[in-house]
């Protein structure tokens, strides 16, 4: 359950993107490659269909079975949905250092997530015991709007229950960092190969001694 204890005006908190932050590499790239390999179809054909329609998933306009039915028709893939869904979910490659950082955050720090995500995947993440640390989970497919739109960041601020100025937002895409800054958040651009540098930056922002975060 989210911690509803009122936050002091000087307290600082953090919110994260998911893909490219809690995962290594892009989920979309890996999933399309896995589907192409399993289905024996050129990956270029799979990606052309996938990326043309994926926004329908991101804003919750289509269910995952609807999306898959369209992809099957356009690409010639014959893999049944019952095999596609577990293959799709298994394409997640966790960024374990970020999960360690999440676990090490002081309990008084509120933690949020704002992710352009998909039906079924968002449900899968909610069931992950590690996500119990989050006080706010905002998925584009559930609010009908995706980053970098200002409405997505407004939804995050509302879910966090504190002003945006008290929240650092971590993302691996500069466009989303720019939008977060414009919405009043403190943007932190992330790359998994510079994780230790990121931890130092986050520690400075939170006012937490670096030793309180993970050291690798």
N, C-alpha and C. Protein backbone atom coordinates (compact mmCIF):
# COMPACT_ATOMS: atom_id res chain seq x y z
N UNK A 1 0.84 -1.20 0.00
CA UNK A 1 0.00 0.00 0.00
C UNK A 1 0.87 1.24 0.00
N UNK A 2 0.53 2.29 -0.77
CA UNK A 2 1.29 3.52 -0.75
C UNK A 2 1.30 4.15 0.63
N UNK A 3 2.42 4.79 0.96
CA UNK A 3 2.53 5.51 2.23
C UNK A 3 1.84 6.85 2.09
N UNK A 4 0.75 7.04 2.84
CA UNK A 4 -0.03 8.27 2.73
C UNK A 4 0.36 9.30 3.78
N UNK A 5 1.50 9.07 4.49
CA UNK A 5 1.97 10.04 5.46
C UNK A 5 2.28 11.35 4.76
N UNK A 6 1.78 12.49 5.27
CA UNK A 6 2.05 13.76 4.60
C UNK A 6 3.55 14.00 4.46
N UNK A 7 3.94 14.54 3.31
CA UNK A 7 5.35 14.80 3.05
C UNK A 7 5.68 16.23 3.47
N UNK A 8 6.86 16.41 4.06
CA UNK A 8 7.25 17.77 4.44
C UNK A 8 7.57 18.56 3.18
N UNK A 9 7.47 19.89 3.24
CA UNK A 9 7.70 20.73 2.05
C UNK A 9 9.11 20.59 1.49
N UNK A 10 10.10 20.19 2.32
CA UNK A 10 11.45 20.04 1.79
C UNK A 10 11.79 18.62 1.39
N UNK A 11 10.92 17.64 1.64
CA UNK A 11 11.21 16.24 1.32
C UNK A 11 11.33 16.05 -0.19
N UNK A 12 12.21 15.18 -0.57
CA UNK A 12 12.39 14.90 -1.99
C UNK A 12 12.11 13.43 -2.27
N UNK A 13 11.60 13.20 -3.48
CA UNK A 13 11.14 11.87 -3.85
C UNK A 13 11.60 11.56 -5.27
N UNK A 14 11.26 10.39 -5.77
CA UNK A 14 11.74 10.00 -7.09
C UNK A 14 10.69 9.16 -7.80
N UNK A 15 10.63 9.34 -9.11
CA UNK A 15 9.77 8.52 -9.97
C UNK A 15 10.59 8.07 -11.17
N UNK A 16 10.22 6.92 -11.70
CA UNK A 16 11.00 6.28 -12.75
C UNK A 16 10.14 5.95 -13.97
N UNK A 17 10.79 5.91 -15.11
CA UNK A 17 10.29 5.19 -16.28
C UNK A 17 10.57 3.70 -16.04
N UNK A 18 10.00 2.83 -16.87
CA UNK A 18 10.27 1.40 -16.75
C UNK A 18 11.22 0.91 -17.84
N UNK A 19 10.79 0.91 -19.11
CA UNK A 19 11.61 0.38 -20.20
C UNK A 19 12.89 1.18 -20.37
N UNK A 20 14.03 0.50 -20.37
CA UNK A 20 15.31 1.17 -20.50
C UNK A 20 15.85 1.67 -19.17
N UNK A 21 15.06 1.56 -18.11
CA UNK A 21 15.48 1.97 -16.77
C UNK A 21 15.48 0.74 -15.85
N UNK A 22 14.32 0.09 -15.75
CA UNK A 22 14.26 -1.17 -15.01
C UNK A 22 14.48 -2.36 -15.93
N UNK A 23 14.67 -2.09 -17.21
CA UNK A 23 15.07 -3.13 -18.16
C UNK A 23 16.36 -2.70 -18.84
N UNK A 24 17.10 -3.68 -19.34
CA UNK A 24 18.28 -3.41 -20.14
C UNK A 24 17.87 -3.49 -21.60
N UNK A 25 18.15 -2.43 -22.34
CA UNK A 25 17.73 -2.40 -23.73
C UNK A 25 16.23 -2.18 -23.83
N UNK A 26 15.73 -2.24 -25.04
CA UNK A 26 14.32 -1.95 -25.25
C UNK A 26 13.50 -3.23 -25.27
N UNK A 27 12.42 -3.22 -24.52
CA UNK A 27 11.49 -4.35 -24.51
C UNK A 27 10.93 -4.59 -25.91
N UNK A 28 10.59 -3.51 -26.62
CA UNK A 28 9.99 -3.65 -27.95
C UNK A 28 10.95 -4.34 -28.92
N UNK A 29 12.21 -3.91 -28.90
CA UNK A 29 13.18 -4.52 -29.80
C UNK A 29 13.38 -6.00 -29.53
N UNK A 30 13.48 -6.35 -28.26
CA UNK A 30 13.69 -7.75 -27.89
C UNK A 30 12.45 -8.60 -28.20
N UNK A 31 11.27 -8.06 -27.89
CA UNK A 31 10.05 -8.84 -28.11
C UNK A 31 9.80 -9.09 -29.60
N UNK A 32 10.04 -8.09 -30.43
CA UNK A 32 9.82 -8.29 -31.87
C UNK A 32 10.83 -9.29 -32.43
N UNK A 33 12.05 -9.26 -31.93
CA UNK A 33 13.05 -10.23 -32.39
C UNK A 33 12.65 -11.64 -31.96
N UNK A 34 12.19 -11.77 -30.72
CA UNK A 34 11.79 -13.10 -30.22
C UNK A 34 10.60 -13.65 -31.00
N UNK A 35 9.64 -12.78 -31.28
CA UNK A 35 8.46 -13.21 -32.05
C UNK A 35 8.86 -13.62 -33.46
N UNK A 36 9.73 -12.83 -34.10
CA UNK A 36 10.18 -13.15 -35.45
C UNK A 36 10.93 -14.48 -35.47
N UNK A 37 11.79 -14.68 -34.48
CA UNK A 37 12.55 -15.93 -34.42
C UNK A 37 11.63 -17.13 -34.23
N UNK A 38 10.67 -17.00 -33.32
CA UNK A 38 9.76 -18.12 -33.04
C UNK A 38 8.84 -18.38 -34.24
N UNK A 39 8.40 -17.31 -34.90
CA UNK A 39 7.44 -17.47 -35.98
C UNK A 39 8.05 -17.71 -37.35
N UNK A 40 9.39 -17.58 -37.46
CA UNK A 40 10.04 -17.79 -38.74
C UNK A 40 9.70 -16.74 -39.77
N UNK A 41 9.50 -15.50 -39.30
CA UNK A 41 9.15 -14.38 -40.17
C UNK A 41 10.26 -13.33 -40.06
N UNK A 42 10.61 -12.65 -41.15
CA UNK A 42 11.65 -11.62 -41.05
C UNK A 42 11.32 -10.57 -40.00
N UNK A 43 12.31 -10.22 -39.18
CA UNK A 43 12.06 -9.29 -38.09
C UNK A 43 11.62 -7.92 -38.61
N UNK A 44 12.09 -7.53 -39.80
CA UNK A 44 11.68 -6.24 -40.36
C UNK A 44 10.18 -6.20 -40.60
N UNK A 45 9.61 -7.32 -41.04
CA UNK A 45 8.17 -7.37 -41.28
C UNK A 45 7.40 -7.29 -39.96
N UNK A 46 7.91 -7.99 -38.94
CA UNK A 46 7.27 -7.94 -37.62
C UNK A 46 7.32 -6.53 -37.06
N UNK A 47 8.48 -5.89 -37.14
CA UNK A 47 8.63 -4.55 -36.57
C UNK A 47 7.81 -3.50 -37.31
N UNK A 48 7.67 -3.66 -38.61
CA UNK A 48 6.87 -2.69 -39.36
C UNK A 48 5.44 -2.69 -38.85
N UNK A 49 4.88 -3.86 -38.63
CA UNK A 49 3.51 -3.96 -38.12
C UNK A 49 3.44 -3.54 -36.66
N UNK A 50 4.37 -4.04 -35.86
CA UNK A 50 4.37 -3.77 -34.42
C UNK A 50 4.42 -2.27 -34.13
N UNK A 51 5.40 -1.59 -34.71
CA UNK A 51 5.58 -0.18 -34.38
C UNK A 51 4.52 0.72 -35.02
N UNK A 52 3.87 0.23 -36.08
CA UNK A 52 2.79 1.02 -36.67
C UNK A 52 1.55 1.03 -35.76
N UNK A 53 1.37 -0.04 -34.98
CA UNK A 53 0.15 -0.17 -34.20
C UNK A 53 0.34 -0.10 -32.69
N UNK A 54 1.59 -0.06 -32.22
CA UNK A 54 1.82 -0.21 -30.78
C UNK A 54 1.19 0.92 -29.97
N UNK A 55 0.99 2.10 -30.59
CA UNK A 55 0.37 3.18 -29.84
C UNK A 55 -1.03 2.79 -29.37
N UNK A 56 -1.71 1.93 -30.12
CA UNK A 56 -3.04 1.49 -29.71
C UNK A 56 -2.97 0.76 -28.36
N UNK A 57 -1.89 0.04 -28.14
CA UNK A 57 -1.68 -0.60 -26.84
C UNK A 57 -1.32 0.44 -25.78
N UNK A 58 -0.43 1.36 -26.15
CA UNK A 58 0.11 2.32 -25.18
C UNK A 58 -0.98 3.21 -24.58
N UNK A 59 -2.01 3.50 -25.36
CA UNK A 59 -3.08 4.35 -24.84
C UNK A 59 -4.31 3.54 -24.43
N UNK A 60 -4.18 2.22 -24.44
CA UNK A 60 -5.27 1.37 -23.97
C UNK A 60 -6.43 1.24 -24.93
N UNK A 61 -6.22 1.59 -26.20
CA UNK A 61 -7.32 1.50 -27.17
C UNK A 61 -7.56 0.05 -27.61
N UNK A 62 -6.51 -0.76 -27.61
CA UNK A 62 -6.63 -2.16 -27.98
C UNK A 62 -6.19 -3.04 -26.82
N UNK A 63 -6.76 -4.24 -26.74
CA UNK A 63 -6.24 -5.26 -25.85
C UNK A 63 -5.05 -5.93 -26.53
N UNK A 64 -4.28 -6.67 -25.76
CA UNK A 64 -3.15 -7.38 -26.37
C UNK A 64 -3.62 -8.44 -27.37
N UNK A 65 -4.69 -9.20 -27.11
CA UNK A 65 -5.17 -10.13 -28.14
C UNK A 65 -5.57 -9.43 -29.44
N UNK A 66 -6.20 -8.25 -29.36
CA UNK A 66 -6.55 -7.50 -30.57
C UNK A 66 -5.29 -7.13 -31.35
N UNK A 67 -4.31 -6.63 -30.64
CA UNK A 67 -3.04 -6.23 -31.25
C UNK A 67 -2.40 -7.42 -31.96
N UNK A 68 -2.40 -8.57 -31.30
CA UNK A 68 -1.78 -9.75 -31.88
C UNK A 68 -2.54 -10.22 -33.12
N UNK A 69 -3.86 -10.13 -33.09
CA UNK A 69 -4.65 -10.55 -34.25
C UNK A 69 -4.30 -9.70 -35.48
N UNK A 70 -4.12 -8.40 -35.28
CA UNK A 70 -3.74 -7.52 -36.39
C UNK A 70 -2.34 -7.88 -36.89
N UNK A 71 -1.42 -8.11 -35.97
CA UNK A 71 -0.06 -8.46 -36.37
C UNK A 71 -0.03 -9.78 -37.15
N UNK A 72 -0.83 -10.74 -36.71
CA UNK A 72 -0.89 -12.02 -37.43
C UNK A 72 -1.36 -11.81 -38.87
N UNK A 73 -2.39 -11.01 -39.01
CA UNK A 73 -2.96 -10.79 -40.36
C UNK A 73 -1.95 -10.09 -41.26
N UNK A 74 -1.19 -9.15 -40.71
CA UNK A 74 -0.28 -8.34 -41.53
C UNK A 74 1.05 -9.04 -41.80
N UNK A 75 1.48 -9.92 -40.91
CA UNK A 75 2.82 -10.50 -41.03
C UNK A 75 2.82 -11.95 -41.48
N UNK A 76 1.67 -12.63 -41.37
CA UNK A 76 1.62 -14.05 -41.69
C UNK A 76 2.05 -14.93 -40.54
N UNK A 77 2.25 -14.35 -39.34
CA UNK A 77 2.59 -15.15 -38.17
C UNK A 77 1.43 -16.08 -37.81
N UNK A 78 1.74 -17.32 -37.49
CA UNK A 78 0.68 -18.29 -37.15
C UNK A 78 0.71 -18.68 -35.68
N UNK A 79 1.63 -18.12 -34.92
CA UNK A 79 1.73 -18.43 -33.49
C UNK A 79 0.43 -18.08 -32.80
N UNK A 80 -0.22 -19.02 -32.08
CA UNK A 80 -1.47 -18.69 -31.38
C UNK A 80 -1.21 -17.74 -30.22
N UNK A 81 -2.26 -16.99 -29.85
CA UNK A 81 -2.09 -16.00 -28.78
C UNK A 81 -1.60 -16.65 -27.48
N UNK A 82 -2.06 -17.85 -27.19
CA UNK A 82 -1.66 -18.54 -25.97
C UNK A 82 -0.17 -18.78 -25.88
N UNK A 83 0.52 -18.83 -27.03
CA UNK A 83 1.98 -18.96 -27.04
C UNK A 83 2.65 -17.59 -27.13
N UNK A 84 1.96 -16.65 -27.78
CA UNK A 84 2.54 -15.30 -27.93
C UNK A 84 2.68 -14.59 -26.58
N UNK A 85 1.64 -14.64 -25.74
CA UNK A 85 1.68 -13.85 -24.50
C UNK A 85 2.87 -14.21 -23.61
N UNK A 86 3.11 -15.49 -23.28
CA UNK A 86 4.28 -15.78 -22.45
C UNK A 86 5.60 -15.45 -23.14
N UNK A 87 5.66 -15.58 -24.46
CA UNK A 87 6.87 -15.19 -25.19
C UNK A 87 7.09 -13.69 -25.07
N UNK A 88 6.02 -12.94 -25.18
CA UNK A 88 6.08 -11.47 -25.07
C UNK A 88 6.59 -11.07 -23.68
N UNK A 89 6.01 -11.64 -22.64
CA UNK A 89 6.41 -11.29 -21.28
C UNK A 89 7.83 -11.75 -20.97
N UNK A 90 8.25 -12.85 -21.56
CA UNK A 90 9.61 -13.34 -21.30
C UNK A 90 10.66 -12.48 -21.98
N UNK A 91 10.24 -11.52 -22.80
CA UNK A 91 11.18 -10.62 -23.46
C UNK A 91 11.69 -9.53 -22.54
N UNK A 92 11.14 -9.45 -21.32
CA UNK A 92 11.61 -8.47 -20.34
C UNK A 92 12.98 -8.92 -19.82
N UNK A 93 13.97 -8.04 -19.91
CA UNK A 93 15.31 -8.32 -19.40
C UNK A 93 15.59 -7.32 -18.29
N UNK A 94 15.47 -7.77 -17.04
CA UNK A 94 15.58 -6.88 -15.89
C UNK A 94 16.95 -6.23 -15.77
N UNK A 95 16.94 -4.97 -15.39
CA UNK A 95 18.16 -4.25 -15.03
C UNK A 95 18.32 -4.40 -13.52
N UNK A 96 19.01 -5.43 -13.09
CA UNK A 96 19.07 -5.77 -11.67
C UNK A 96 19.69 -4.69 -10.79
N UNK A 97 20.71 -3.94 -11.25
CA UNK A 97 21.23 -2.86 -10.41
C UNK A 97 20.17 -1.82 -10.05
N UNK A 98 19.23 -1.55 -10.96
CA UNK A 98 18.20 -0.56 -10.64
C UNK A 98 17.23 -1.11 -9.60
N UNK A 99 16.93 -2.39 -9.67
CA UNK A 99 16.08 -2.99 -8.64
C UNK A 99 16.77 -2.95 -7.28
N UNK A 100 18.10 -3.11 -7.27
CA UNK A 100 18.84 -3.00 -6.01
C UNK A 100 18.78 -1.58 -5.47
N UNK A 101 18.89 -0.60 -6.35
CA UNK A 101 18.77 0.80 -5.93
C UNK A 101 17.37 1.07 -5.38
N UNK A 102 16.36 0.58 -6.06
CA UNK A 102 14.98 0.74 -5.60
C UNK A 102 14.82 0.20 -4.19
N UNK A 103 15.35 -0.98 -3.96
CA UNK A 103 15.22 -1.62 -2.65
C UNK A 103 15.96 -0.85 -1.57
N UNK A 104 17.03 -0.13 -1.95
CA UNK A 104 17.86 0.57 -0.98
C UNK A 104 17.35 1.97 -0.64
N UNK A 105 16.36 2.46 -1.38
CA UNK A 105 15.87 3.82 -1.11
C UNK A 105 15.27 3.90 0.29
N UNK A 106 15.56 4.98 1.01
CA UNK A 106 14.98 5.13 2.35
C UNK A 106 13.46 5.09 2.30
N UNK A 107 12.85 4.52 3.33
CA UNK A 107 11.40 4.34 3.33
C UNK A 107 10.64 5.65 3.28
N UNK A 108 11.25 6.74 3.76
CA UNK A 108 10.55 8.02 3.73
C UNK A 108 10.49 8.63 2.34
N UNK A 109 11.23 8.08 1.41
CA UNK A 109 11.22 8.56 0.02
C UNK A 109 10.06 7.91 -0.71
N UNK A 110 9.16 8.72 -1.23
CA UNK A 110 8.08 8.19 -2.06
C UNK A 110 8.63 7.84 -3.43
N UNK A 111 8.12 6.75 -3.98
CA UNK A 111 8.65 6.24 -5.25
C UNK A 111 7.49 6.03 -6.22
N UNK A 112 7.64 6.58 -7.41
CA UNK A 112 6.59 6.45 -8.42
C UNK A 112 7.12 5.86 -9.71
N UNK A 113 6.21 5.48 -10.58
CA UNK A 113 6.54 4.96 -11.90
C UNK A 113 5.60 5.61 -12.91
N UNK A 114 6.16 6.10 -14.01
CA UNK A 114 5.37 6.57 -15.15
C UNK A 114 5.93 5.90 -16.39
N UNK A 115 5.14 5.01 -16.97
CA UNK A 115 5.62 4.18 -18.06
C UNK A 115 4.63 4.17 -19.22
N UNK A 116 5.15 4.35 -20.43
CA UNK A 116 4.36 4.07 -21.63
C UNK A 116 4.32 2.55 -21.75
N UNK A 117 3.19 1.97 -21.41
CA UNK A 117 3.16 0.52 -21.29
C UNK A 117 1.91 -0.06 -21.92
N UNK A 118 1.73 -1.37 -21.75
CA UNK A 118 0.73 -2.11 -22.50
C UNK A 118 -0.14 -2.96 -21.59
N UNK A 119 -1.39 -3.22 -22.00
CA UNK A 119 -2.21 -4.17 -21.26
C UNK A 119 -1.47 -5.52 -21.16
N UNK A 120 -1.70 -6.23 -20.12
CA UNK A 120 -1.07 -7.50 -19.77
C UNK A 120 0.33 -7.26 -19.19
N UNK A 121 1.17 -6.48 -19.88
CA UNK A 121 2.49 -6.18 -19.33
C UNK A 121 2.35 -5.38 -18.03
N UNK A 122 1.48 -4.38 -18.03
CA UNK A 122 1.30 -3.57 -16.81
C UNK A 122 0.74 -4.44 -15.68
N UNK A 123 -0.17 -5.36 -16.00
CA UNK A 123 -0.69 -6.28 -14.98
C UNK A 123 0.42 -7.18 -14.45
N UNK A 124 1.27 -7.64 -15.34
CA UNK A 124 2.40 -8.49 -14.96
C UNK A 124 3.32 -7.75 -13.99
N UNK A 125 3.59 -6.48 -14.27
CA UNK A 125 4.47 -5.71 -13.40
C UNK A 125 3.82 -5.47 -12.04
N UNK A 126 2.55 -5.18 -12.02
CA UNK A 126 1.86 -4.97 -10.73
C UNK A 126 1.96 -6.21 -9.83
N UNK A 127 2.01 -7.39 -10.42
CA UNK A 127 2.09 -8.62 -9.63
C UNK A 127 3.51 -8.92 -9.13
N UNK A 128 4.49 -8.21 -9.68
CA UNK A 128 5.88 -8.43 -9.29
C UNK A 128 6.08 -7.95 -7.85
N UNK A 129 6.52 -8.81 -6.92
CA UNK A 129 6.68 -8.39 -5.52
C UNK A 129 7.60 -7.19 -5.35
N UNK A 130 8.55 -7.01 -6.26
CA UNK A 130 9.46 -5.87 -6.15
C UNK A 130 8.73 -4.55 -6.34
N UNK A 131 7.58 -4.57 -7.04
CA UNK A 131 6.85 -3.34 -7.30
C UNK A 131 6.04 -2.89 -6.09
N UNK A 132 6.04 -3.67 -5.03
CA UNK A 132 5.37 -3.25 -3.80
C UNK A 132 6.05 -2.02 -3.20
N UNK A 133 7.30 -1.77 -3.59
CA UNK A 133 8.01 -0.60 -3.08
C UNK A 133 7.46 0.71 -3.66
N UNK A 134 6.78 0.63 -4.79
CA UNK A 134 6.26 1.85 -5.42
C UNK A 134 5.02 2.36 -4.69
N UNK A 135 4.98 3.67 -4.50
CA UNK A 135 3.81 4.33 -3.92
C UNK A 135 2.80 4.72 -4.99
N UNK A 136 3.25 4.82 -6.23
CA UNK A 136 2.38 5.26 -7.33
C UNK A 136 2.83 4.59 -8.61
N UNK A 137 1.89 3.92 -9.29
CA UNK A 137 2.17 3.30 -10.58
C UNK A 137 1.22 3.91 -11.61
N UNK A 138 1.80 4.59 -12.60
CA UNK A 138 1.00 5.23 -13.64
C UNK A 138 1.42 4.65 -14.98
N UNK A 139 0.48 3.96 -15.63
CA UNK A 139 0.73 3.35 -16.92
C UNK A 139 -0.10 4.05 -17.99
N UNK A 140 0.54 4.33 -19.12
CA UNK A 140 -0.15 5.06 -20.20
C UNK A 140 -1.41 4.34 -20.65
N UNK A 141 -1.36 3.01 -20.71
CA UNK A 141 -2.53 2.26 -21.20
C UNK A 141 -3.72 2.36 -20.25
N UNK A 142 -3.47 2.78 -19.01
CA UNK A 142 -4.56 2.91 -18.04
C UNK A 142 -5.09 4.34 -17.94
N UNK A 143 -4.29 5.33 -18.37
CA UNK A 143 -4.75 6.73 -18.31
C UNK A 143 -5.09 7.29 -19.68
N UNK A 144 -4.79 6.52 -20.75
CA UNK A 144 -5.14 6.96 -22.10
C UNK A 144 -4.25 8.05 -22.66
N UNK A 145 -3.08 8.23 -22.06
CA UNK A 145 -2.14 9.25 -22.55
C UNK A 145 -0.73 8.79 -22.26
N UNK A 146 0.20 9.10 -23.16
CA UNK A 146 1.57 8.62 -22.99
C UNK A 146 2.55 9.79 -22.92
N UNK A 147 3.70 9.52 -22.32
CA UNK A 147 4.78 10.49 -22.36
C UNK A 147 5.16 10.74 -23.82
N UNK A 148 5.59 11.93 -24.17
CA UNK A 148 5.92 13.06 -23.30
C UNK A 148 4.77 14.05 -23.07
N UNK A 149 3.53 13.64 -23.31
CA UNK A 149 2.41 14.57 -23.16
C UNK A 149 2.33 15.07 -21.71
N UNK A 150 2.00 16.35 -21.57
CA UNK A 150 1.93 16.95 -20.24
C UNK A 150 0.90 16.26 -19.34
N UNK A 151 -0.16 15.72 -19.94
CA UNK A 151 -1.19 15.05 -19.12
C UNK A 151 -0.62 13.82 -18.40
N UNK A 152 0.34 13.15 -19.02
CA UNK A 152 0.95 11.99 -18.38
C UNK A 152 1.71 12.41 -17.13
N UNK A 153 2.41 13.52 -17.21
CA UNK A 153 3.16 14.00 -16.05
C UNK A 153 2.23 14.59 -14.98
N UNK A 154 1.12 15.16 -15.42
CA UNK A 154 0.12 15.64 -14.45
C UNK A 154 -0.45 14.46 -13.67
N UNK A 155 -0.67 13.34 -14.37
CA UNK A 155 -1.19 12.14 -13.71
C UNK A 155 -0.18 11.60 -12.71
N UNK A 156 1.10 11.67 -13.06
CA UNK A 156 2.14 11.22 -12.13
C UNK A 156 2.18 12.11 -10.89
N UNK A 157 2.14 13.42 -11.09
CA UNK A 157 2.17 14.33 -9.94
C UNK A 157 0.99 14.06 -9.00
N UNK A 158 -0.18 13.85 -9.59
CA UNK A 158 -1.37 13.58 -8.79
C UNK A 158 -1.21 12.26 -8.02
N UNK A 159 -0.69 11.24 -8.69
CA UNK A 159 -0.53 9.93 -8.05
C UNK A 159 0.53 9.96 -6.94
N UNK A 160 1.56 10.77 -7.14
CA UNK A 160 2.62 10.87 -6.12
C UNK A 160 2.13 11.59 -4.87
N UNK A 161 1.18 12.50 -5.01
CA UNK A 161 0.65 13.21 -3.86
C UNK A 161 1.56 14.27 -3.31
N UNK A 162 2.55 14.68 -4.09
CA UNK A 162 3.46 15.77 -3.70
C UNK A 162 3.70 16.63 -4.94
N UNK A 163 4.10 17.89 -4.76
CA UNK A 163 4.36 18.74 -5.93
C UNK A 163 5.48 18.17 -6.80
N UNK A 164 5.35 18.41 -8.09
CA UNK A 164 6.36 17.92 -9.03
C UNK A 164 7.76 18.41 -8.67
N UNK A 165 7.86 19.61 -8.13
CA UNK A 165 9.17 20.18 -7.78
C UNK A 165 9.91 19.36 -6.74
N UNK A 166 9.20 18.48 -6.03
CA UNK A 166 9.83 17.64 -5.01
C UNK A 166 10.19 16.26 -5.54
N UNK A 167 10.03 16.06 -6.84
CA UNK A 167 10.21 14.72 -7.41
C UNK A 167 11.23 14.74 -8.55
N UNK A 168 12.24 13.87 -8.45
CA UNK A 168 13.12 13.62 -9.59
C UNK A 168 12.45 12.59 -10.50
N UNK A 169 12.57 12.79 -11.81
CA UNK A 169 12.01 11.82 -12.75
C UNK A 169 13.14 11.23 -13.58
N UNK A 170 13.23 9.91 -13.59
CA UNK A 170 14.32 9.18 -14.22
C UNK A 170 13.82 8.51 -15.49
N UNK A 171 14.47 8.81 -16.61
CA UNK A 171 14.06 8.24 -17.90
C UNK A 171 15.29 8.09 -18.77
N UNK A 172 15.22 7.18 -19.74
CA UNK A 172 16.36 6.97 -20.64
C UNK A 172 16.20 7.71 -21.97
N UNK A 173 15.15 8.52 -22.11
CA UNK A 173 14.88 9.24 -23.36
C UNK A 173 14.90 10.74 -23.08
N UNK A 174 15.73 11.47 -23.80
CA UNK A 174 15.88 12.90 -23.54
C UNK A 174 14.57 13.66 -23.73
N UNK A 175 13.77 13.29 -24.72
CA UNK A 175 12.49 13.97 -24.94
C UNK A 175 11.60 13.88 -23.71
N UNK A 176 11.61 12.76 -23.04
CA UNK A 176 10.79 12.61 -21.83
C UNK A 176 11.37 13.39 -20.66
N UNK A 177 12.69 13.47 -20.59
CA UNK A 177 13.33 14.30 -19.56
C UNK A 177 12.97 15.76 -19.77
N UNK A 178 13.00 16.21 -21.01
CA UNK A 178 12.63 17.60 -21.32
C UNK A 178 11.19 17.88 -20.91
N UNK A 179 10.30 16.93 -21.19
CA UNK A 179 8.89 17.11 -20.83
C UNK A 179 8.72 17.10 -19.31
N UNK A 180 9.47 16.25 -18.63
CA UNK A 180 9.40 16.21 -17.16
C UNK A 180 9.86 17.54 -16.58
N UNK A 181 10.96 18.06 -17.09
CA UNK A 181 11.44 19.36 -16.61
C UNK A 181 10.41 20.46 -16.85
N UNK A 182 9.78 20.42 -18.02
CA UNK A 182 8.76 21.43 -18.34
C UNK A 182 7.56 21.31 -17.40
N UNK A 183 7.30 20.10 -16.90
CA UNK A 183 6.18 19.89 -15.98
C UNK A 183 6.55 20.18 -14.53
N UNK A 184 7.81 20.58 -14.30
CA UNK A 184 8.22 20.96 -12.95
C UNK A 184 9.01 19.92 -12.19
N UNK A 185 9.21 18.74 -12.80
CA UNK A 185 10.01 17.70 -12.17
C UNK A 185 11.50 18.00 -12.36
N UNK A 186 12.33 17.27 -11.64
CA UNK A 186 13.78 17.36 -11.80
C UNK A 186 14.21 16.15 -12.62
N UNK A 187 14.49 16.34 -13.89
CA UNK A 187 14.79 15.22 -14.78
C UNK A 187 16.20 14.68 -14.61
N UNK A 188 16.31 13.36 -14.59
CA UNK A 188 17.61 12.68 -14.55
C UNK A 188 17.66 11.68 -15.70
N UNK A 189 18.53 11.94 -16.67
CA UNK A 189 18.67 11.04 -17.82
C UNK A 189 19.48 9.82 -17.39
N UNK A 190 19.01 8.64 -17.77
CA UNK A 190 19.62 7.39 -17.30
C UNK A 190 20.15 6.54 -18.45
N UNK A 191 21.30 5.89 -18.18
CA UNK A 191 21.79 4.82 -19.05
C UNK A 191 22.38 3.75 -18.16
N UNK A 192 22.03 2.49 -18.44
CA UNK A 192 22.43 1.41 -17.53
C UNK A 192 23.94 1.26 -17.41
N UNK A 193 24.69 1.71 -18.43
CA UNK A 193 26.14 1.59 -18.35
C UNK A 193 26.76 2.64 -17.43
N UNK A 194 25.96 3.62 -17.01
CA UNK A 194 26.46 4.65 -16.09
C UNK A 194 25.64 4.63 -14.79
N UNK A 195 25.36 3.42 -14.33
CA UNK A 195 24.47 3.30 -13.17
C UNK A 195 25.07 3.92 -11.91
N UNK A 196 26.36 3.70 -11.66
CA UNK A 196 26.98 4.25 -10.45
C UNK A 196 26.92 5.79 -10.47
N UNK A 197 27.14 6.37 -11.64
CA UNK A 197 27.04 7.83 -11.77
C UNK A 197 25.62 8.29 -11.48
N UNK A 198 24.64 7.54 -11.99
CA UNK A 198 23.25 7.87 -11.71
C UNK A 198 22.96 7.83 -10.22
N UNK A 199 23.43 6.80 -9.53
CA UNK A 199 23.18 6.70 -8.09
C UNK A 199 23.74 7.91 -7.35
N UNK A 200 24.93 8.36 -7.77
CA UNK A 200 25.50 9.54 -7.12
C UNK A 200 24.61 10.76 -7.34
N UNK A 201 24.13 10.93 -8.57
CA UNK A 201 23.24 12.07 -8.87
C UNK A 201 21.96 11.99 -8.05
N UNK A 202 21.39 10.79 -7.98
CA UNK A 202 20.15 10.62 -7.23
C UNK A 202 20.39 10.88 -5.74
N UNK A 203 21.52 10.42 -5.23
CA UNK A 203 21.85 10.65 -3.83
C UNK A 203 21.97 12.13 -3.51
N UNK A 204 22.58 12.89 -4.42
CA UNK A 204 22.69 14.34 -4.23
C UNK A 204 21.30 14.97 -4.22
N UNK A 205 20.45 14.55 -5.15
CA UNK A 205 19.10 15.12 -5.23
C UNK A 205 18.29 14.82 -3.96
N UNK A 206 18.36 13.58 -3.50
CA UNK A 206 17.57 13.17 -2.34
C UNK A 206 18.16 13.70 -1.03
N UNK A 207 19.44 14.08 -1.06
CA UNK A 207 20.09 14.50 0.17
C UNK A 207 20.41 13.31 1.07
N UNK A 208 20.60 12.14 0.43
CA UNK A 208 20.93 10.92 1.15
C UNK A 208 22.41 10.64 0.95
N UNK A 209 23.15 10.33 2.02
CA UNK A 209 24.57 9.97 1.82
C UNK A 209 24.70 8.83 0.82
N UNK A 210 25.70 8.93 -0.03
CA UNK A 210 25.86 7.93 -1.08
C UNK A 210 25.96 6.53 -0.49
N UNK A 211 26.53 6.40 0.68
CA UNK A 211 26.68 5.09 1.30
C UNK A 211 25.33 4.45 1.63
N UNK A 212 24.26 5.27 1.67
CA UNK A 212 22.94 4.71 1.95
C UNK A 212 22.34 4.03 0.74
N UNK A 213 22.90 4.33 -0.46
CA UNK A 213 22.45 3.66 -1.65
C UNK A 213 23.39 2.52 -1.96
N UNK A 214 23.07 1.73 -2.95
CA UNK A 214 23.88 0.56 -3.25
C UNK A 214 25.24 0.99 -3.74
N UNK A 215 26.24 0.25 -3.40
CA UNK A 215 27.61 0.52 -3.85
C UNK A 215 28.09 -0.68 -4.63
N UNK A 216 28.50 -0.44 -5.90
CA UNK A 216 29.02 -1.53 -6.73
C UNK A 216 30.32 -1.09 -7.37
